[in-house]
Amino acid sequence: MNKIFVTGIGTGIGKTFISALLARALEADYWKPIQAGIDEGTDSEYVQRTLTGTPGLVHPEAYKLRMPASPHIAAREEGISISIPKICGQVPSISRNLIIEGAGGLMVPLNETEFVADLIKALEAKVILISRNYLGSINHSLLTARVCREMNIPVIGWIFNDQYLHYEEEIVRWTQYPLIASVPYMKAEDGQFIEAQTAALQKRLKGFL
């Protein structure tokens, strides 16, 4: 089983949608260990709908927190502390590849001393970095790449959302992490769009996994 951890340069940059595409393209299972914010639906529920008709399964969260906030704050509100060993103990036992979606970016706190990056290390997962092209995303992308290098986190490459100027080429050149794919922006991800992006991603992933 390959454990592929999907993280990004921040919040709201399309990790869940890309995670769903990856699970479809690889016929993989999906797992989001920590969900913060459940009133408007969860990421697992969205991915479950997107994986309908595929062999991929969606596994239950280790932590399902009500408040839409940083995980350490959401957990504190419920009187608990997020435990990385507990999460590692709940890794699904499967033979298929596993797509693991993180919460926010690498330096999102999970508790008073540990971050998403520490969870990635503990899970011994390889990382796919998600960057959404917007003004300021170069800085956020380069900072994310620097954390990966400083913590010796193995990075498979970048997947970009949206198109904005030529940021993708710049980010790939400066970070020396390869471009896996670029997904065009679409307000409504209809079935035809999802099918097309899944097929394109399948072809691109063959050279990386």
N, C-alpha and C. Protein backbone atom coordinates (compact mmCIF):
# COMPACT_ATOMS: atom_id res chain seq x y z
N MET A 1 0.83 -1.20 0.00
CA MET A 1 0.00 0.00 0.00
C MET A 1 0.87 1.25 0.00
N ASN A 2 0.63 2.15 -0.96
CA ASN A 2 1.25 3.46 -0.94
C ASN A 2 0.38 4.41 -0.13
N LYS A 3 0.98 5.09 0.85
CA LYS A 3 0.27 6.12 1.60
C LYS A 3 0.64 7.47 0.99
N ILE A 4 -0.33 8.12 0.38
CA ILE A 4 -0.09 9.40 -0.28
C ILE A 4 -0.84 10.48 0.48
N PHE A 5 -0.09 11.36 1.09
CA PHE A 5 -0.67 12.42 1.91
C PHE A 5 -0.83 13.67 1.05
N VAL A 6 -2.06 14.17 0.99
CA VAL A 6 -2.35 15.36 0.19
C VAL A 6 -2.39 16.56 1.13
N THR A 7 -1.43 17.46 0.95
CA THR A 7 -1.40 18.68 1.74
C THR A 7 -1.28 19.86 0.78
N GLY A 8 -1.43 21.04 1.32
CA GLY A 8 -1.43 22.19 0.44
C GLY A 8 -0.74 23.39 1.04
N ILE A 9 -0.80 24.48 0.29
CA ILE A 9 -0.12 25.71 0.73
C ILE A 9 -1.02 26.54 1.65
N GLY A 10 -2.21 26.04 1.94
CA GLY A 10 -3.12 26.75 2.82
C GLY A 10 -4.48 26.09 2.83
N THR A 11 -5.47 26.85 3.27
CA THR A 11 -6.84 26.36 3.35
C THR A 11 -7.64 26.87 2.16
N GLY A 12 -8.56 26.05 1.65
CA GLY A 12 -9.41 26.49 0.56
C GLY A 12 -8.73 26.51 -0.79
N ILE A 13 -7.75 25.60 -0.97
CA ILE A 13 -7.04 25.59 -2.25
C ILE A 13 -7.36 24.35 -3.08
N GLY A 14 -8.32 23.55 -2.64
CA GLY A 14 -8.79 22.44 -3.47
C GLY A 14 -8.25 21.08 -3.10
N LYS A 15 -7.78 20.89 -1.87
CA LYS A 15 -7.24 19.59 -1.47
C LYS A 15 -8.26 18.48 -1.59
N THR A 16 -9.49 18.78 -1.17
CA THR A 16 -10.51 17.72 -1.17
C THR A 16 -10.87 17.30 -2.59
N PHE A 17 -11.05 18.24 -3.47
CA PHE A 17 -11.38 17.91 -4.85
C PHE A 17 -10.23 17.12 -5.50
N ILE A 18 -8.99 17.57 -5.29
CA ILE A 18 -7.85 16.86 -5.86
C ILE A 18 -7.70 15.48 -5.23
N SER A 19 -7.97 15.37 -3.93
CA SER A 19 -7.92 14.06 -3.27
C SER A 19 -8.92 13.11 -3.90
N ALA A 20 -10.11 13.61 -4.20
CA ALA A 20 -11.13 12.78 -4.84
C ALA A 20 -10.67 12.34 -6.22
N LEU A 21 -10.09 13.26 -6.98
CA LEU A 21 -9.57 12.91 -8.31
C LEU A 21 -8.47 11.86 -8.20
N LEU A 22 -7.58 12.02 -7.24
CA LEU A 22 -6.49 11.06 -7.05
C LEU A 22 -7.04 9.68 -6.69
N ALA A 23 -8.02 9.64 -5.81
CA ALA A 23 -8.61 8.36 -5.43
C ALA A 23 -9.27 7.69 -6.63
N ARG A 24 -9.93 8.47 -7.47
CA ARG A 24 -10.53 7.92 -8.68
C ARG A 24 -9.46 7.43 -9.65
N ALA A 25 -8.45 8.26 -9.86
CA ALA A 25 -7.42 7.93 -10.85
C ALA A 25 -6.62 6.70 -10.46
N LEU A 26 -6.39 6.52 -9.16
CA LEU A 26 -5.58 5.41 -8.67
C LEU A 26 -6.42 4.23 -8.17
N GLU A 27 -7.75 4.37 -8.24
CA GLU A 27 -8.65 3.38 -7.66
C GLU A 27 -8.24 3.11 -6.21
N ALA A 28 -8.01 4.21 -5.51
CA ALA A 28 -7.50 4.16 -4.14
C ALA A 28 -8.61 4.44 -3.14
N ASP A 29 -8.33 4.15 -1.88
CA ASP A 29 -9.22 4.52 -0.79
C ASP A 29 -8.87 5.93 -0.32
N TYR A 30 -9.78 6.52 0.43
CA TYR A 30 -9.60 7.90 0.92
C TYR A 30 -9.80 7.91 2.43
N TRP A 31 -8.98 8.75 3.08
CA TRP A 31 -9.08 8.89 4.54
C TRP A 31 -8.70 10.30 4.93
N LYS A 32 -9.56 10.97 5.66
CA LYS A 32 -9.23 12.26 6.26
C LYS A 32 -9.22 12.08 7.76
N PRO A 33 -8.05 11.94 8.38
CA PRO A 33 -7.99 11.62 9.81
C PRO A 33 -8.65 12.67 10.70
N ILE A 34 -8.53 13.95 10.30
CA ILE A 34 -9.04 15.03 11.16
C ILE A 34 -9.96 15.92 10.35
N GLN A 35 -11.21 15.97 10.77
CA GLN A 35 -12.19 16.86 10.15
C GLN A 35 -12.60 17.90 11.19
N ALA A 36 -12.33 19.17 10.89
CA ALA A 36 -12.74 20.26 11.78
C ALA A 36 -13.81 21.08 11.06
N GLY A 37 -15.03 21.02 11.59
CA GLY A 37 -16.17 21.68 10.97
C GLY A 37 -17.05 20.66 10.27
N ILE A 38 -18.26 20.44 10.79
CA ILE A 38 -19.11 19.39 10.23
C ILE A 38 -20.52 19.87 9.91
N ASP A 39 -20.87 21.09 10.31
CA ASP A 39 -22.25 21.55 10.15
C ASP A 39 -22.67 21.66 8.69
N GLU A 40 -21.74 21.98 7.80
CA GLU A 40 -22.06 22.12 6.38
C GLU A 40 -21.66 20.89 5.58
N GLY A 41 -21.49 19.77 6.25
CA GLY A 41 -21.05 18.54 5.59
C GLY A 41 -19.55 18.37 5.72
N THR A 42 -19.09 17.15 5.53
CA THR A 42 -17.67 16.85 5.70
C THR A 42 -17.00 16.59 4.36
N ASP A 43 -15.68 16.66 4.38
CA ASP A 43 -14.92 16.35 3.16
C ASP A 43 -15.10 14.89 2.77
N SER A 44 -15.20 14.02 3.76
CA SER A 44 -15.40 12.60 3.47
C SER A 44 -16.71 12.36 2.74
N GLU A 45 -17.75 13.10 3.12
CA GLU A 45 -19.04 12.96 2.45
C GLU A 45 -18.95 13.40 1.00
N TYR A 46 -18.23 14.49 0.76
CA TYR A 46 -18.04 14.97 -0.62
C TYR A 46 -17.29 13.93 -1.46
N VAL A 47 -16.20 13.40 -0.90
CA VAL A 47 -15.41 12.42 -1.64
C VAL A 47 -16.22 11.15 -1.88
N GLN A 48 -17.03 10.75 -0.90
CA GLN A 48 -17.87 9.57 -1.06
C GLN A 48 -18.77 9.71 -2.28
N ARG A 49 -19.36 10.88 -2.44
CA ARG A 49 -20.22 11.11 -3.61
C ARG A 49 -19.41 11.07 -4.90
N THR A 50 -18.21 11.61 -4.86
CA THR A 50 -17.37 11.66 -6.06
C THR A 50 -16.85 10.29 -6.45
N LEU A 51 -16.72 9.39 -5.47
CA LEU A 51 -16.20 8.05 -5.75
C LEU A 51 -17.29 7.04 -6.09
N THR A 52 -18.53 7.48 -6.14
CA THR A 52 -19.63 6.57 -6.48
C THR A 52 -19.35 5.86 -7.80
N GLY A 53 -19.47 4.53 -7.79
CA GLY A 53 -19.22 3.74 -8.99
C GLY A 53 -17.78 3.31 -9.17
N THR A 54 -16.92 3.64 -8.20
CA THR A 54 -15.52 3.23 -8.25
C THR A 54 -15.25 2.26 -7.09
N PRO A 55 -14.13 1.52 -7.14
CA PRO A 55 -13.84 0.58 -6.03
C PRO A 55 -13.34 1.25 -4.76
N GLY A 56 -13.02 2.53 -4.83
CA GLY A 56 -12.46 3.21 -3.67
C GLY A 56 -13.43 3.35 -2.51
N LEU A 57 -12.92 3.15 -1.30
CA LEU A 57 -13.71 3.30 -0.08
C LEU A 57 -13.29 4.56 0.66
N VAL A 58 -14.22 5.12 1.40
CA VAL A 58 -13.93 6.26 2.28
C VAL A 58 -13.95 5.76 3.72
N HIS A 59 -12.85 5.97 4.43
CA HIS A 59 -12.71 5.46 5.80
C HIS A 59 -13.07 6.55 6.81
N PRO A 60 -13.61 6.17 7.96
CA PRO A 60 -14.06 7.16 8.94
C PRO A 60 -12.91 7.95 9.56
N GLU A 61 -13.22 9.17 9.92
CA GLU A 61 -12.23 10.05 10.53
C GLU A 61 -11.81 9.54 11.91
N ALA A 62 -10.57 9.82 12.29
CA ALA A 62 -10.13 9.55 13.66
C ALA A 62 -10.68 10.62 14.60
N TYR A 63 -10.78 11.85 14.10
CA TYR A 63 -11.33 12.96 14.86
C TYR A 63 -12.32 13.72 13.98
N LYS A 64 -13.52 13.88 14.48
CA LYS A 64 -14.58 14.60 13.78
C LYS A 64 -15.05 15.71 14.71
N LEU A 65 -14.54 16.91 14.46
CA LEU A 65 -14.72 18.03 15.38
C LEU A 65 -15.73 19.03 14.83
N ARG A 66 -16.56 19.56 15.69
CA ARG A 66 -17.66 20.40 15.22
C ARG A 66 -17.20 21.77 14.74
N MET A 67 -16.28 22.40 15.45
CA MET A 67 -15.91 23.78 15.15
C MET A 67 -15.05 23.88 13.88
N PRO A 68 -15.39 24.77 12.95
CA PRO A 68 -14.55 24.97 11.76
C PRO A 68 -13.37 25.89 12.10
N ALA A 69 -12.35 25.31 12.70
CA ALA A 69 -11.20 26.08 13.18
C ALA A 69 -9.96 25.21 13.08
N SER A 70 -8.82 25.78 13.42
CA SER A 70 -7.60 24.99 13.50
C SER A 70 -7.86 23.77 14.38
N PRO A 71 -7.39 22.58 13.98
CA PRO A 71 -7.73 21.37 14.74
C PRO A 71 -7.43 21.44 16.23
N HIS A 72 -6.32 22.08 16.61
CA HIS A 72 -6.00 22.12 18.04
C HIS A 72 -7.02 22.96 18.81
N ILE A 73 -7.57 24.00 18.17
CA ILE A 73 -8.58 24.82 18.82
C ILE A 73 -9.92 24.10 18.85
N ALA A 74 -10.28 23.49 17.72
CA ALA A 74 -11.54 22.75 17.66
C ALA A 74 -11.56 21.61 18.67
N ALA A 75 -10.43 20.93 18.81
CA ALA A 75 -10.34 19.83 19.79
C ALA A 75 -10.42 20.36 21.21
N ARG A 76 -9.76 21.47 21.46
CA ARG A 76 -9.78 22.07 22.80
C ARG A 76 -11.19 22.44 23.21
N GLU A 77 -11.98 22.93 22.25
CA GLU A 77 -13.37 23.30 22.54
C GLU A 77 -14.20 22.09 23.00
N GLU A 78 -13.78 20.89 22.56
CA GLU A 78 -14.51 19.68 22.94
C GLU A 78 -13.83 18.94 24.10
N GLY A 79 -12.81 19.58 24.67
CA GLY A 79 -12.17 19.02 25.85
C GLY A 79 -11.27 17.84 25.56
N ILE A 80 -10.74 17.77 24.32
CA ILE A 80 -9.85 16.66 23.97
C ILE A 80 -8.56 17.21 23.37
N SER A 81 -7.58 16.35 23.22
CA SER A 81 -6.33 16.70 22.57
C SER A 81 -6.05 15.67 21.47
N ILE A 82 -5.70 16.15 20.30
CA ILE A 82 -5.45 15.26 19.17
C ILE A 82 -4.13 14.51 19.39
N SER A 83 -4.17 13.21 19.21
CA SER A 83 -3.02 12.34 19.43
C SER A 83 -2.56 11.74 18.12
N ILE A 84 -1.31 12.01 17.74
CA ILE A 84 -0.76 11.41 16.52
C ILE A 84 -0.66 9.90 16.64
N PRO A 85 -0.22 9.33 17.78
CA PRO A 85 -0.22 7.87 17.90
C PRO A 85 -1.60 7.26 17.71
N LYS A 86 -2.65 7.93 18.20
CA LYS A 86 -4.00 7.41 18.01
C LYS A 86 -4.34 7.38 16.52
N ILE A 87 -4.00 8.43 15.80
CA ILE A 87 -4.27 8.47 14.36
C ILE A 87 -3.51 7.36 13.65
N CYS A 88 -2.24 7.20 13.97
CA CYS A 88 -1.43 6.15 13.33
C CYS A 88 -2.00 4.76 13.62
N GLY A 89 -2.61 4.61 14.78
CA GLY A 89 -3.21 3.33 15.13
C GLY A 89 -4.49 3.04 14.39
N GLN A 90 -5.03 4.03 13.70
CA GLN A 90 -6.28 3.85 12.96
C GLN A 90 -6.08 3.87 11.44
N VAL A 91 -4.83 3.78 10.99
CA VAL A 91 -4.59 3.71 9.54
C VAL A 91 -5.31 2.49 8.98
N PRO A 92 -6.14 2.67 7.96
CA PRO A 92 -6.87 1.53 7.40
C PRO A 92 -5.94 0.42 6.92
N SER A 93 -6.30 -0.80 7.21
CA SER A 93 -5.51 -1.96 6.78
C SER A 93 -6.07 -2.43 5.43
N ILE A 94 -5.42 -1.99 4.36
CA ILE A 94 -5.91 -2.26 3.02
C ILE A 94 -4.74 -2.61 2.11
N SER A 95 -5.04 -3.20 0.96
CA SER A 95 -4.01 -3.50 -0.03
C SER A 95 -3.94 -2.43 -1.11
N ARG A 96 -5.05 -1.68 -1.29
CA ARG A 96 -5.06 -0.60 -2.28
C ARG A 96 -4.25 0.59 -1.78
N ASN A 97 -3.94 1.51 -2.70
CA ASN A 97 -3.34 2.77 -2.30
C ASN A 97 -4.31 3.55 -1.42
N LEU A 98 -3.75 4.41 -0.57
CA LEU A 98 -4.55 5.20 0.35
C LEU A 98 -4.22 6.67 0.17
N ILE A 99 -5.24 7.45 -0.15
CA ILE A 99 -5.11 8.90 -0.22
C ILE A 99 -5.50 9.47 1.14
N ILE A 100 -4.57 10.17 1.78
CA ILE A 100 -4.81 10.75 3.10
C ILE A 100 -4.84 12.27 2.93
N GLU A 101 -5.94 12.87 3.31
CA GLU A 101 -6.05 14.33 3.19
C GLU A 101 -5.78 14.99 4.52
N GLY A 102 -4.90 15.96 4.49
CA GLY A 102 -4.58 16.70 5.70
C GLY A 102 -5.56 17.83 5.96
N ALA A 103 -5.33 18.54 7.06
CA ALA A 103 -6.14 19.70 7.42
C ALA A 103 -5.30 20.95 7.18
N GLY A 104 -5.73 21.80 6.25
CA GLY A 104 -4.96 23.00 5.97
C GLY A 104 -3.58 22.68 5.41
N GLY A 105 -2.58 23.40 5.89
CA GLY A 105 -1.21 23.22 5.41
C GLY A 105 -0.33 22.49 6.40
N LEU A 106 0.95 22.45 6.10
CA LEU A 106 1.91 21.68 6.88
C LEU A 106 2.05 22.15 8.33
N MET A 107 1.96 23.46 8.54
CA MET A 107 2.21 23.99 9.89
C MET A 107 0.92 24.30 10.64
N VAL A 108 -0.16 23.64 10.27
CA VAL A 108 -1.39 23.73 11.05
C VAL A 108 -1.19 22.93 12.34
N PRO A 109 -1.41 23.55 13.50
CA PRO A 109 -1.21 22.83 14.77
C PRO A 109 -2.28 21.76 14.99
N LEU A 110 -1.83 20.60 15.47
CA LEU A 110 -2.76 19.53 15.84
C LEU A 110 -3.01 19.51 17.35
N ASN A 111 -2.00 19.89 18.08
CA ASN A 111 -2.11 20.01 19.54
C ASN A 111 -1.13 21.10 19.98
N GLU A 112 -0.72 21.09 21.23
CA GLU A 112 0.13 22.18 21.71
C GLU A 112 1.57 22.09 21.23
N THR A 113 1.98 20.95 20.68
CA THR A 113 3.39 20.78 20.30
C THR A 113 3.60 20.22 18.90
N GLU A 114 2.56 19.71 18.26
CA GLU A 114 2.74 18.99 16.99
C GLU A 114 1.87 19.58 15.88
N PHE A 115 2.35 19.37 14.64
CA PHE A 115 1.73 19.97 13.47
C PHE A 115 1.39 18.89 12.44
N VAL A 116 0.69 19.29 11.39
CA VAL A 116 0.37 18.35 10.30
C VAL A 116 1.64 17.71 9.77
N ALA A 117 2.71 18.47 9.65
CA ALA A 117 3.97 17.92 9.16
C ALA A 117 4.46 16.76 10.03
N ASP A 118 4.26 16.86 11.34
CA ASP A 118 4.66 15.78 12.24
C ASP A 118 3.81 14.53 12.01
N LEU A 119 2.54 14.73 11.68
CA LEU A 119 1.68 13.59 11.37
C LEU A 119 2.15 12.88 10.10
N ILE A 120 2.52 13.65 9.10
CA ILE A 120 3.02 13.05 7.85
C ILE A 120 4.24 12.19 8.13
N LYS A 121 5.16 12.71 8.94
CA LYS A 121 6.36 11.95 9.29
C LYS A 121 5.99 10.66 10.02
N ALA A 122 5.08 10.76 10.96
CA ALA A 122 4.68 9.59 11.75
C ALA A 122 4.00 8.53 10.89
N LEU A 123 3.25 8.97 9.88
CA LEU A 123 2.55 8.04 8.99
C LEU A 123 3.48 7.43 7.94
N GLU A 124 4.68 7.99 7.82
CA GLU A 124 5.65 7.55 6.81
C GLU A 124 5.02 7.59 5.41
N ALA A 125 4.37 8.70 5.14
CA ALA A 125 3.67 8.88 3.86
C ALA A 125 4.49 9.75 2.92
N LYS A 126 4.24 9.57 1.64
CA LYS A 126 4.78 10.49 0.63
C LYS A 126 3.73 11.57 0.37
N VAL A 127 4.20 12.73 -0.06
CA VAL A 127 3.33 13.90 -0.13
C VAL A 127 3.12 14.36 -1.57
N ILE A 128 1.88 14.71 -1.86
CA ILE A 128 1.56 15.50 -3.05
C ILE A 128 1.14 16.87 -2.56
N LEU A 129 1.80 17.90 -3.09
CA LEU A 129 1.53 19.27 -2.69
C LEU A 129 0.51 19.90 -3.63
N ILE A 130 -0.49 20.57 -3.06
CA ILE A 130 -1.51 21.24 -3.84
C ILE A 130 -1.32 22.75 -3.70
N SER A 131 -1.23 23.41 -4.85
CA SER A 131 -1.13 24.86 -4.86
C SER A 131 -2.23 25.42 -5.75
N ARG A 132 -2.92 26.41 -5.24
CA ARG A 132 -3.92 27.11 -6.06
C ARG A 132 -3.30 28.41 -6.52
N ASN A 133 -3.36 28.67 -7.81
CA ASN A 133 -2.73 29.87 -8.36
C ASN A 133 -3.52 31.13 -7.98
N TYR A 134 -2.90 31.99 -7.19
CA TYR A 134 -3.49 33.27 -6.81
C TYR A 134 -2.35 34.20 -6.46
N LEU A 135 -2.64 35.47 -6.39
CA LEU A 135 -1.62 36.45 -6.04
C LEU A 135 -1.12 36.16 -4.63
N GLY A 136 0.15 35.82 -4.49
CA GLY A 136 0.72 35.45 -3.20
C GLY A 136 1.02 33.97 -3.08
N SER A 137 0.57 33.18 -4.06
CA SER A 137 0.76 31.72 -3.93
C SER A 137 2.21 31.29 -4.14
N ILE A 138 3.00 32.12 -4.81
CA ILE A 138 4.43 31.76 -4.94
C ILE A 138 5.06 31.70 -3.55
N ASN A 139 4.85 32.73 -2.77
CA ASN A 139 5.41 32.77 -1.41
C ASN A 139 4.92 31.58 -0.58
N HIS A 140 3.64 31.33 -0.59
CA HIS A 140 3.09 30.23 0.20
C HIS A 140 3.61 28.88 -0.29
N SER A 141 3.77 28.74 -1.59
CA SER A 141 4.27 27.47 -2.15
C SER A 141 5.73 27.25 -1.79
N LEU A 142 6.54 28.29 -1.89
CA LEU A 142 7.96 28.14 -1.58
C LEU A 142 8.18 27.88 -0.09
N LEU A 143 7.39 28.51 0.76
CA LEU A 143 7.49 28.24 2.18
C LEU A 143 7.12 26.79 2.50
N THR A 144 6.08 26.30 1.85
CA THR A 144 5.66 24.91 2.04
C THR A 144 6.76 23.95 1.61
N ALA A 145 7.36 24.21 0.46
CA ALA A 145 8.45 23.36 -0.02
C ALA A 145 9.64 23.39 0.92
N ARG A 146 9.91 24.55 1.48
CA ARG A 146 11.06 24.66 2.41
C ARG A 146 10.83 23.82 3.66
N VAL A 147 9.62 23.84 4.18
CA VAL A 147 9.31 23.02 5.36
C VAL A 147 9.52 21.54 5.03
N CYS A 148 9.06 21.12 3.84
CA CYS A 148 9.25 19.71 3.44
C CYS A 148 10.72 19.34 3.42
N ARG A 149 11.54 20.21 2.86
CA ARG A 149 12.98 19.91 2.79
C ARG A 149 13.61 19.90 4.16
N GLU A 150 13.27 20.86 4.99
CA GLU A 150 13.88 20.94 6.31
C GLU A 150 13.49 19.76 7.18
N MET A 151 12.29 19.20 6.96
CA MET A 151 11.83 18.07 7.76
C MET A 151 12.02 16.73 7.06
N ASN A 152 12.70 16.74 5.91
CA ASN A 152 12.94 15.51 5.14
C ASN A 152 11.65 14.75 4.83
N ILE A 153 10.64 15.50 4.42
CA ILE A 153 9.37 14.90 4.00
C ILE A 153 9.45 14.59 2.51
N PRO A 154 9.25 13.34 2.11
CA PRO A 154 9.37 12.98 0.69
C PRO A 154 8.20 13.54 -0.12
N VAL A 155 8.52 14.30 -1.15
CA VAL A 155 7.50 14.95 -1.98
C VAL A 155 7.48 14.32 -3.36
N ILE A 156 6.29 13.89 -3.79
CA ILE A 156 6.13 13.33 -5.14
C ILE A 156 6.11 14.44 -6.17
N GLY A 157 5.42 15.52 -5.87
CA GLY A 157 5.36 16.63 -6.81
C GLY A 157 4.18 17.53 -6.53
N TRP A 158 3.95 18.47 -7.46
CA TRP A 158 2.90 19.48 -7.35
C TRP A 158 1.70 19.13 -8.22
N ILE A 159 0.51 19.42 -7.70
CA ILE A 159 -0.69 19.53 -8.52
C ILE A 159 -1.24 20.93 -8.31
N PHE A 160 -1.48 21.63 -9.42
CA PHE A 160 -1.95 23.01 -9.35
C PHE A 160 -3.43 23.10 -9.70
N ASN A 161 -4.11 24.00 -9.00
CA ASN A 161 -5.51 24.33 -9.28
C ASN A 161 -5.57 25.71 -9.92
N ASP A 162 -6.45 25.87 -10.90
CA ASP A 162 -6.65 27.18 -11.50
C ASP A 162 -5.45 27.55 -12.38
N GLN A 163 -5.59 28.53 -13.20
CA GLN A 163 -4.47 29.07 -13.96
C GLN A 163 -4.38 30.56 -13.71
N TYR A 164 -3.19 31.02 -13.39
CA TYR A 164 -2.98 32.44 -13.11
C TYR A 164 -1.57 32.80 -13.52
N LEU A 165 -1.41 33.58 -14.56
CA LEU A 165 -0.10 33.96 -15.06
C LEU A 165 0.74 32.70 -15.31
N HIS A 166 2.01 32.72 -14.94
CA HIS A 166 2.89 31.56 -15.16
C HIS A 166 3.48 31.09 -13.83
N TYR A 167 2.69 31.16 -12.77
CA TYR A 167 3.19 30.80 -11.45
C TYR A 167 3.64 29.35 -11.38
N GLU A 168 3.00 28.47 -12.09
CA GLU A 168 3.33 27.05 -11.99
C GLU A 168 4.78 26.80 -12.38
N GLU A 169 5.19 27.35 -13.53
CA GLU A 169 6.56 27.15 -13.99
C GLU A 169 7.56 27.73 -12.99
N GLU A 170 7.22 28.89 -12.43
CA GLU A 170 8.12 29.52 -11.45
C GLU A 170 8.26 28.66 -10.20
N ILE A 171 7.15 28.16 -9.69
CA ILE A 171 7.17 27.37 -8.46
C ILE A 171 7.93 26.06 -8.66
N VAL A 172 7.69 25.40 -9.78
CA VAL A 172 8.41 24.15 -10.07
C VAL A 172 9.91 24.42 -10.17
N ARG A 173 10.29 25.50 -10.83
CA ARG A 173 11.73 25.80 -11.01
C ARG A 173 12.38 26.11 -9.68
N TRP A 174 11.74 26.91 -8.86
CA TRP A 174 12.35 27.31 -7.60
C TRP A 174 12.38 26.19 -6.57
N THR A 175 11.37 25.35 -6.57
CA THR A 175 11.33 24.29 -5.56
C THR A 175 12.03 23.02 -6.00
N GLN A 176 12.17 22.84 -7.32
CA GLN A 176 12.74 21.60 -7.87
C GLN A 176 11.89 20.37 -7.56
N TYR A 177 10.62 20.60 -7.24
CA TYR A 177 9.66 19.50 -7.14
C TYR A 177 8.87 19.47 -8.45
N PRO A 178 8.66 18.29 -9.04
CA PRO A 178 8.09 18.24 -10.39
C PRO A 178 6.60 18.57 -10.45
N LEU A 179 6.17 18.97 -11.62
CA LEU A 179 4.76 19.18 -11.91
C LEU A 179 4.12 17.85 -12.24
N ILE A 180 3.13 17.45 -11.46
CA ILE A 180 2.36 16.24 -11.76
C ILE A 180 1.23 16.58 -12.72
N ALA A 181 0.46 17.61 -12.38
CA ALA A 181 -0.69 17.96 -13.21
C ALA A 181 -1.17 19.36 -12.86
N SER A 182 -1.96 19.91 -13.77
CA SER A 182 -2.61 21.19 -13.56
C SER A 182 -4.09 21.03 -13.87
N VAL A 183 -4.92 21.35 -12.91
CA VAL A 183 -6.37 21.19 -13.06
C VAL A 183 -7.00 22.56 -13.29
N PRO A 184 -7.68 22.76 -14.40
CA PRO A 184 -8.28 24.07 -14.66
C PRO A 184 -9.40 24.38 -13.68
N TYR A 185 -9.60 25.66 -13.45
CA TYR A 185 -10.67 26.08 -12.53
C TYR A 185 -12.04 25.85 -13.16
N MET A 186 -12.96 25.37 -12.34
CA MET A 186 -14.32 25.16 -12.81
C MET A 186 -15.26 25.43 -11.64
N LYS A 187 -16.22 26.34 -11.82
CA LYS A 187 -17.12 26.69 -10.73
C LYS A 187 -17.94 25.49 -10.27
N ALA A 188 -18.47 24.75 -11.24
CA ALA A 188 -19.28 23.57 -10.93
C ALA A 188 -18.60 22.34 -11.50
N GLU A 189 -18.18 21.44 -10.60
CA GLU A 189 -17.46 20.24 -11.05
C GLU A 189 -18.48 19.17 -11.46
N ASP A 190 -18.92 19.23 -12.71
CA ASP A 190 -19.92 18.25 -13.15
C ASP A 190 -19.24 16.93 -13.49
N GLY A 191 -20.06 15.92 -13.75
CA GLY A 191 -19.54 14.57 -13.99
C GLY A 191 -18.58 14.50 -15.16
N GLN A 192 -18.88 15.22 -16.22
CA GLN A 192 -18.01 15.19 -17.40
C GLN A 192 -16.64 15.78 -17.10
N PHE A 193 -16.64 16.88 -16.35
CA PHE A 193 -15.38 17.51 -15.96
C PHE A 193 -14.56 16.57 -15.07
N ILE A 194 -15.21 15.95 -14.11
CA ILE A 194 -14.52 15.03 -13.21
C ILE A 194 -13.94 13.84 -13.97
N GLU A 195 -14.70 13.29 -14.89
CA GLU A 195 -14.21 12.16 -15.70
C GLU A 195 -12.99 12.56 -16.52
N ALA A 196 -13.05 13.74 -17.13
CA ALA A 196 -11.93 14.20 -17.97
C ALA A 196 -10.67 14.43 -17.13
N GLN A 197 -10.83 15.04 -15.97
CA GLN A 197 -9.67 15.30 -15.12
C GLN A 197 -9.11 14.02 -14.52
N THR A 198 -9.98 13.07 -14.21
CA THR A 198 -9.52 11.76 -13.71
C THR A 198 -8.67 11.07 -14.76
N ALA A 199 -9.14 11.05 -16.00
CA ALA A 199 -8.39 10.39 -17.08
C ALA A 199 -7.05 11.07 -17.31
N ALA A 200 -7.03 12.40 -17.30
CA ALA A 200 -5.77 13.13 -17.50
C ALA A 200 -4.80 12.85 -16.37
N LEU A 201 -5.31 12.79 -15.15
CA LEU A 201 -4.45 12.55 -13.99
C LEU A 201 -3.90 11.12 -14.01
N GLN A 202 -4.72 10.16 -14.44
CA GLN A 202 -4.25 8.77 -14.54
C GLN A 202 -3.01 8.67 -15.41
N LYS A 203 -3.03 9.33 -16.55
CA LYS A 203 -1.89 9.29 -17.48
C LYS A 203 -0.66 9.94 -16.84
N ARG A 204 -0.85 11.06 -16.16
CA ARG A 204 0.27 11.77 -15.60
C ARG A 204 0.90 11.03 -14.42
N LEU A 205 0.07 10.35 -13.63
CA LEU A 205 0.57 9.70 -12.42
C LEU A 205 1.47 8.51 -12.70
N LYS A 206 1.33 7.92 -13.88
CA LYS A 206 2.13 6.72 -14.20
C LYS A 206 3.62 6.98 -14.08
N GLY A 207 4.02 8.18 -14.33
CA GLY A 207 5.45 8.48 -14.26
C GLY A 207 5.94 8.85 -12.89
N PHE A 208 5.05 8.88 -11.91
CA PHE A 208 5.43 9.34 -10.58
C PHE A 208 5.30 8.29 -9.49
N LEU A 209 4.46 7.27 -9.70
CA LEU A 209 4.21 6.28 -8.65
C LEU A 209 4.66 4.90 -9.07
